[in-house]
Protein backbone atom coordinates (compact mmCIF):
# COMPACT_ATOMS: atom_id res chain seq x y z
CA MET A 1 33.36 35.79 49.75
CA ARG A 2 34.58 37.72 52.80
CA ARG A 3 37.96 39.47 52.67
CA VAL A 4 40.70 39.43 55.34
CA GLY A 5 43.54 41.92 54.93
CA ILE A 6 46.84 41.42 56.76
CA VAL A 7 49.58 44.00 57.30
CA ASN A 8 52.60 42.02 58.44
CA ALA A 9 55.93 43.11 59.93
CA TYR A 10 58.94 41.91 61.95
CA THR A 11 59.82 39.00 59.70
CA LEU A 12 63.40 37.79 59.48
CA PRO A 13 65.35 39.23 56.53
CA ARG A 14 64.38 37.84 53.13
CA THR A 15 61.43 35.88 54.57
CA PRO A 16 57.96 36.50 53.05
CA GLY A 17 55.40 37.03 55.77
CA ARG A 18 53.11 34.40 54.32
CA GLU A 19 55.75 31.74 55.10
CA THR A 20 55.95 32.52 58.82
CA LEU A 21 54.70 29.99 61.33
CA ARG A 22 52.49 32.58 63.01
CA MET A 23 50.66 33.22 59.74
CA ARG A 24 50.21 29.51 59.14
CA ALA A 25 48.70 29.24 62.63
CA PHE A 26 46.44 32.22 61.87
CA VAL A 27 45.13 30.67 58.64
CA ASP A 28 44.70 27.26 60.30
CA ALA A 29 42.66 28.78 63.14
CA LEU A 30 40.36 30.48 60.64
CA ALA A 31 39.89 27.21 58.76
CA ALA A 32 39.12 25.34 61.98
CA ALA A 33 36.35 27.85 62.65
CA GLY A 34 34.87 27.29 59.19
CA TRP A 35 36.54 30.15 57.32
CA ARG A 36 38.64 28.43 54.66
CA GLU A 37 40.86 30.45 52.36
CA GLY A 38 39.66 30.31 48.76
CA GLN A 39 36.21 29.17 49.81
CA GLU A 40 34.59 31.30 52.53
CA ILE A 41 37.33 33.95 52.64
CA ALA A 42 40.05 35.57 50.56
CA ILE A 43 43.27 36.60 52.33
CA ASP A 44 45.48 39.43 51.13
CA LEU A 45 48.78 39.82 53.00
CA ILE A 46 51.12 42.79 52.58
CA ASP A 47 54.56 42.92 54.20
CA ALA A 48 55.33 46.37 55.60
CA GLU A 49 57.87 47.75 58.04
CA SER A 50 57.65 51.55 57.97
CA ASP A 51 54.73 53.80 58.88
CA ALA A 52 54.44 54.87 55.26
CA GLU A 53 54.31 51.28 54.01
CA ALA A 54 51.75 50.30 56.65
CA GLY A 55 49.53 53.28 55.88
CA ALA A 56 49.68 52.58 52.14
CA ALA A 57 48.92 48.90 52.74
CA ALA A 58 45.91 49.77 54.91
CA ARG A 59 44.53 52.19 52.34
CA ARG A 60 44.86 49.59 49.61
CA LEU A 61 43.19 46.88 51.69
CA VAL A 62 40.35 49.23 52.65
CA ALA A 63 39.85 50.20 49.01
CA ASP A 64 39.77 46.52 48.05
CA GLY A 65 36.90 45.94 50.46
CA ALA A 66 38.52 44.20 53.43
CA ASP A 67 35.98 43.08 56.02
CA VAL A 68 38.58 42.81 58.80
CA LEU A 69 42.26 43.68 59.14
CA HIS A 70 44.94 41.78 61.03
CA THR A 71 48.18 43.51 62.07
CA PHE A 72 51.37 42.35 63.73
CA GLY A 73 53.21 44.65 66.13
CA THR A 74 52.23 47.89 67.81
CA PRO A 75 53.88 50.36 65.37
CA ILE A 76 52.18 48.81 62.34
CA THR A 77 48.86 48.63 64.19
CA MET A 78 49.05 52.30 65.10
CA ALA A 79 49.61 53.30 61.48
CA VAL A 80 46.72 51.12 60.30
CA ALA A 81 44.36 52.29 63.07
CA GLU A 82 45.02 55.88 62.06
CA THR A 83 43.91 54.97 58.52
CA THR A 84 40.49 53.52 59.37
CA SER A 85 38.16 53.81 62.35
CA GLU A 86 35.46 51.66 60.80
CA ILE A 87 36.96 48.35 59.70
CA PRO A 88 37.70 45.92 62.58
CA ILE A 89 41.39 45.47 63.39
CA VAL A 90 42.78 42.46 65.24
CA TYR A 91 46.37 42.89 66.44
CA TYR A 92 48.98 41.69 68.84
CA GLY A 93 51.75 43.88 70.14
CA ALA A 94 53.57 45.25 73.16
CA HIS A 95 53.16 48.69 74.70
CA PRO A 96 56.45 49.54 76.46
CA GLU A 97 56.23 52.86 78.27
CA GLY A 98 52.52 52.82 77.32
CA ILE A 99 53.36 53.52 73.67
CA GLY A 100 50.38 52.96 71.39
CA ASP A 101 48.01 51.77 74.09
CA ALA A 102 45.46 54.54 73.53
CA THR A 103 45.45 54.07 69.74
CA CYS A 104 45.05 50.31 70.10
CA SER A 105 42.12 50.84 72.48
CA ALA A 106 39.92 52.34 69.74
CA PRO A 107 36.42 50.79 69.39
CA ASN A 108 37.33 49.04 66.14
CA VAL A 109 40.55 47.51 67.53
CA THR A 110 40.95 44.39 69.65
CA GLY A 111 43.55 41.69 70.13
CA GLN A 112 46.34 40.67 72.44
CA VAL A 113 48.54 42.94 74.55
CA VAL A 114 51.95 41.28 74.66
CA LYS A 115 53.65 41.31 78.03
CA VAL A 116 57.27 41.11 76.86
CA PRO A 117 58.54 38.42 79.22
CA PHE A 118 62.21 39.36 79.56
CA THR A 119 61.66 42.99 80.55
CA SER A 120 58.23 42.68 82.19
CA ASN A 121 59.71 42.81 85.71
CA TYR A 122 63.01 42.65 87.55
CA LYS A 123 62.57 38.99 88.49
CA SER A 124 62.61 38.08 84.80
CA PHE A 125 65.31 40.57 83.84
CA ARG A 126 67.75 39.41 86.49
CA LEU A 127 68.28 36.30 84.33
CA LEU A 128 70.68 38.57 82.43
CA ARG A 129 73.18 38.45 85.30
CA ARG A 130 73.06 34.66 85.33
CA LEU A 131 73.38 34.45 81.55
CA VAL A 132 76.36 36.81 81.41
CA PRO A 133 77.99 36.97 84.85
CA ARG A 134 80.58 39.48 83.58
CA ALA A 135 77.88 41.94 82.44
CA ARG A 136 78.17 45.41 83.86
CA VAL A 137 76.54 47.49 81.10
CA VAL A 138 73.50 46.72 78.92
CA TRP A 139 73.47 48.67 75.63
CA VAL A 140 70.05 49.18 74.00
CA PRO A 141 69.81 50.87 70.56
CA PHE A 142 66.52 52.00 68.98
CA TYR A 143 65.79 52.81 65.34
CA GLU A 144 64.39 56.34 65.31
CA ALA A 145 61.87 55.83 62.47
CA THR A 146 59.54 53.61 64.50
CA ARG A 147 56.70 54.39 66.88
CA PHE A 148 58.68 52.96 69.79
CA VAL A 149 60.82 56.09 69.61
CA THR A 150 58.41 58.78 70.71
CA PRO A 151 58.77 62.35 69.42
CA ALA A 152 60.05 63.47 72.83
CA MET A 153 62.63 60.67 72.93
CA ARG A 154 63.72 61.43 69.37
CA GLU A 155 64.15 65.15 70.05
CA THR A 156 66.09 64.54 73.28
CA HIS A 157 68.57 62.30 71.50
CA ARG A 158 68.85 64.75 68.61
CA ALA A 159 69.58 67.62 70.97
CA VAL A 160 72.34 65.64 72.68
CA ARG A 161 73.74 64.69 69.29
CA GLU A 162 73.84 68.31 68.15
CA ARG A 163 75.75 69.31 71.26
CA ALA A 164 78.25 66.47 70.92
CA GLY A 165 78.52 66.44 67.12
CA ARG A 166 77.78 62.70 67.00
CA ARG A 167 75.32 60.10 68.23
CA VAL A 168 75.67 59.59 71.97
CA TRP A 169 74.67 56.69 74.21
CA LEU A 170 72.62 58.21 77.03
CA ARG A 171 73.10 56.89 80.54
CA GLY A 172 70.34 55.52 82.72
CA GLY A 173 69.49 57.39 85.88
CA THR A 174 68.77 60.64 84.05
CA ASP A 175 65.59 62.20 82.70
CA GLU A 176 67.05 62.08 79.18
CA VAL A 177 66.52 58.37 78.50
CA GLY A 178 63.27 57.40 76.80
CA PHE A 179 62.84 53.89 78.20
CA ARG A 180 63.00 54.71 81.89
CA THR A 181 61.46 51.40 82.94
CA HIS A 182 64.39 49.61 81.30
CA ALA A 183 66.85 51.91 82.98
CA ALA A 184 65.15 51.14 86.30
CA LEU A 185 65.32 47.38 85.66
CA ALA A 186 69.02 47.65 84.93
CA TYR A 187 69.57 49.60 88.14
CA VAL A 188 67.69 47.01 90.21
CA ILE A 189 69.76 44.08 88.92
CA GLY A 190 73.01 46.01 89.27
CA VAL A 191 74.02 46.88 85.70
CA GLU A 192 74.33 50.21 83.93
CA TYR A 193 71.92 51.20 81.15
CA ARG A 194 72.91 52.85 77.88
CA GLU A 195 70.42 54.01 75.24
CA LEU A 196 71.01 55.07 71.64
CA VAL A 197 68.66 56.34 68.93
CA TYR A 198 70.09 55.88 65.43
CA SER A 199 68.89 56.86 61.97
CA ASP A 200 70.64 54.32 59.72
CA THR A 201 73.42 51.72 59.60
CA PRO A 202 76.26 54.14 58.64
CA GLU A 203 75.47 56.09 61.80
CA LEU A 204 74.95 52.96 63.89
CA ALA A 205 78.20 51.16 63.03
CA PRO A 206 80.66 53.54 64.75
CA ALA A 207 78.38 53.86 67.79
CA LEU A 208 78.47 50.10 68.33
CA GLU A 209 82.25 50.17 68.52
CA GLU A 210 81.93 51.94 71.87
CA ILE A 211 80.63 48.74 73.48
CA ASP A 212 83.29 47.03 75.55
CA PRO A 213 83.21 43.23 75.08
CA ALA A 214 84.72 42.77 78.53
CA ASP A 215 81.50 43.75 80.31
CA GLY A 216 78.91 44.75 77.71
CA VAL A 217 75.67 43.11 76.58
CA LEU A 218 73.81 44.25 73.47
CA MET A 219 70.01 44.03 73.85
CA LEU A 220 67.62 44.63 70.97
CA TYR A 221 63.93 44.88 70.24
CA ASN A 222 62.38 43.92 66.91
CA GLU A 223 62.40 47.34 65.31
CA PRO A 224 65.84 46.84 63.65
CA PHE A 225 63.95 44.80 61.04
CA ALA A 226 62.49 48.13 59.91
CA SER A 227 65.98 49.57 59.35
CA PRO A 228 67.58 48.16 56.17
CA GLY A 229 70.71 46.21 57.03
CA SER A 230 70.54 46.77 60.79
CA ALA A 231 69.70 43.20 61.82
CA ASP A 232 72.66 41.80 59.86
CA LEU A 233 74.92 44.55 61.19
CA PHE A 234 74.03 43.70 64.80
CA LEU A 235 74.65 39.99 64.24
CA ASP A 236 77.95 40.56 62.42
CA PHE A 237 79.18 43.07 65.00
CA ALA A 238 78.32 40.84 67.95
CA ALA A 239 80.13 37.88 66.37
CA ARG A 240 83.19 39.93 65.40
CA ARG A 241 83.63 41.68 68.74
CA GLY A 242 82.51 38.84 71.02
CA ILE A 243 79.51 40.72 72.42
CA PRO A 244 76.58 38.73 73.87
CA LEU A 245 73.56 39.61 71.72
CA VAL A 246 70.26 39.20 73.59
CA TRP A 247 67.15 39.85 71.52
CA ASN A 248 64.16 41.03 73.52
CA ASN A 249 60.95 39.45 72.21
CA ASN A 250 62.49 37.41 69.38
CA PRO A 251 63.64 33.92 70.41
CA GLN A 252 64.52 32.99 66.84
CA ILE A 253 67.57 35.23 66.77
CA ALA A 254 69.43 32.36 68.47
CA ALA A 255 68.91 30.33 65.29
CA MET A 256 70.68 33.10 63.35
CA GLY A 257 73.79 33.03 65.52
CA GLY A 258 72.78 35.45 68.27
CA PHE A 259 73.43 34.40 71.87
CA CYS A 260 69.81 34.12 72.94
CA GLY A 261 66.32 35.41 72.38
CA ILE A 262 63.52 35.61 74.92
CA GLY A 263 60.05 36.53 73.80
CA SER A 264 56.44 35.62 73.33
CA ASP A 265 55.08 32.55 71.60
CA PHE A 266 54.30 34.05 68.19
CA VAL A 267 52.67 30.86 66.93
CA ARG A 268 50.19 30.97 69.80
CA LEU A 269 49.58 34.67 69.16
CA GLY A 270 48.83 33.92 65.52
CA ARG A 271 46.40 31.16 66.41
CA VAL A 272 44.47 33.31 68.89
CA ALA A 273 44.36 36.17 66.38
CA GLY A 274 42.84 33.78 63.83
CA GLU A 275 40.19 32.74 66.33
CA THR A 276 39.38 36.39 67.04
CA VAL A 277 39.08 37.26 63.34
CA ALA A 278 36.77 34.25 62.92
CA ALA A 279 34.53 35.59 65.69
CA ILE A 280 34.36 39.00 64.02
CA LEU A 281 33.53 37.46 60.65
CA ALA A 282 30.71 35.61 62.43
CA GLY A 283 29.26 38.91 63.60
CA VAL A 284 30.87 39.76 66.95
CA ARG A 285 31.87 43.43 67.22
CA PRO A 286 35.48 44.27 68.19
CA ARG A 287 34.24 46.40 71.09
CA ASP A 288 32.59 43.28 72.52
CA ILE A 289 35.88 41.36 72.49
CA PRO A 290 38.11 42.69 75.29
CA ARG A 291 41.81 42.82 74.58
CA ARG A 292 43.66 39.94 76.22
CA LEU A 293 46.94 40.07 78.07
CA ASP A 294 49.33 37.56 76.52
CA GLU A 295 51.88 36.25 79.00
CA SER A 296 53.28 33.43 76.86
CA ARG A 297 57.02 32.86 76.88
CA MET A 298 59.43 31.24 74.46
CA ALA A 299 63.21 31.31 74.85
CA TRP A 300 66.03 29.91 72.73
CA ILE A 301 69.77 29.89 73.41
CA ASN A 302 72.65 29.15 71.03
CA LEU A 303 75.22 26.96 72.79
CA ASP A 304 77.84 27.33 70.05
CA THR A 305 77.66 31.10 70.43
CA ALA A 306 77.90 30.76 74.20
CA GLU A 307 81.12 28.78 73.82
CA ARG A 308 82.60 31.37 71.45
CA LEU A 309 81.79 34.04 74.02
CA GLY A 310 83.46 32.06 76.80
CA LEU A 311 80.14 31.64 78.61
CA GLN A 312 79.10 28.44 80.37
CA PRO A 313 75.38 28.58 81.23
CA THR A 314 74.55 26.46 84.26
CA ASP A 315 71.90 23.77 84.18
CA ASP A 316 69.56 26.10 86.07
CA VAL A 317 70.02 28.76 83.39
CA LEU A 318 69.53 26.28 80.56
CA ARG A 319 66.25 25.19 82.09
CA CYS A 320 65.00 28.73 81.47
CA PHE A 321 65.17 28.05 77.72
CA ASP A 322 62.79 25.98 75.62
CA ARG A 323 65.36 25.18 72.98
CA HIS A 324 69.15 24.74 72.98
CA ILE A 325 70.58 25.40 69.52
CA ARG A 326 73.79 24.39 67.84
CA GLY A 327 74.85 26.32 64.76
CA CYS A 328 72.36 28.23 62.60
CA PRO A 329 69.62 25.73 61.72
CA GLY A 330 67.68 28.13 59.51
CA ASP A 331 64.23 27.30 60.88
CA PRO A 332 61.12 28.82 59.27
CA CYS A 333 60.47 32.29 60.63
CA MET A 334 58.02 32.39 63.50
């Protein structure tokens, strides 16, 4: 029996990775190709968020004789790829600022390069001004213990913190910010960019209080799921202060009470990953399967949250969203 090892990440709080829709699509795609769990293959899934957890998971799966590894998200993939250069790895993940692209181009790695739809270009990002007409500043925090915060970005923010005696939101338009493409997008659509690197929730909480609800928008990536308590803190803060919370590359945040989420179709990504793993199990080498650019898009908006924020999305804006949510329906995690 062949063995498939999975290192999973970015699941909603308290949701086992095996219950996510993307994993169901992955397993279904394998079965459709003739690789049925419990018959032709055994699947071992480990949920991991940090580099240390991902590395430990990879070492365990390698020791257990995995024939192929599947990973979700660039940071986890980088940690796993640094653990083995022999076992095939099938991933999907984004590479903002080029982060992780070289590591994920190794001969034993293939998969899908996610083109994050909301921040892929200014034409997509300008939807922010139509969503929140009062927006003048977009505030973007990053959890420092992930690969999306490069060593240079981490050290720059630390140096500024040491000078100020506290965590500081850096302004766009300077060489200090790490995500310069985001700062440039903000400039093009006419809003200011603020960037924060935080180490934990006690440090994050007072920094969030600097956001002015009169003109601020809070925009997040998925790495807060790696910081214990951060996702709940962001949701609670946004609701308490009346801040529009826009989650970049996670549409499901709208089902948790956030204003909206715009991202990739994770179910489709899971299905294609399953098809790729099936091809490798059938004998195709990863180096013979070029990485694909995924340009899928899925967007959800919470209309109850919009009303609480005093926002009235036009019909044209609503047509940009695949799903209009009321309340917190508690859907299965994608």
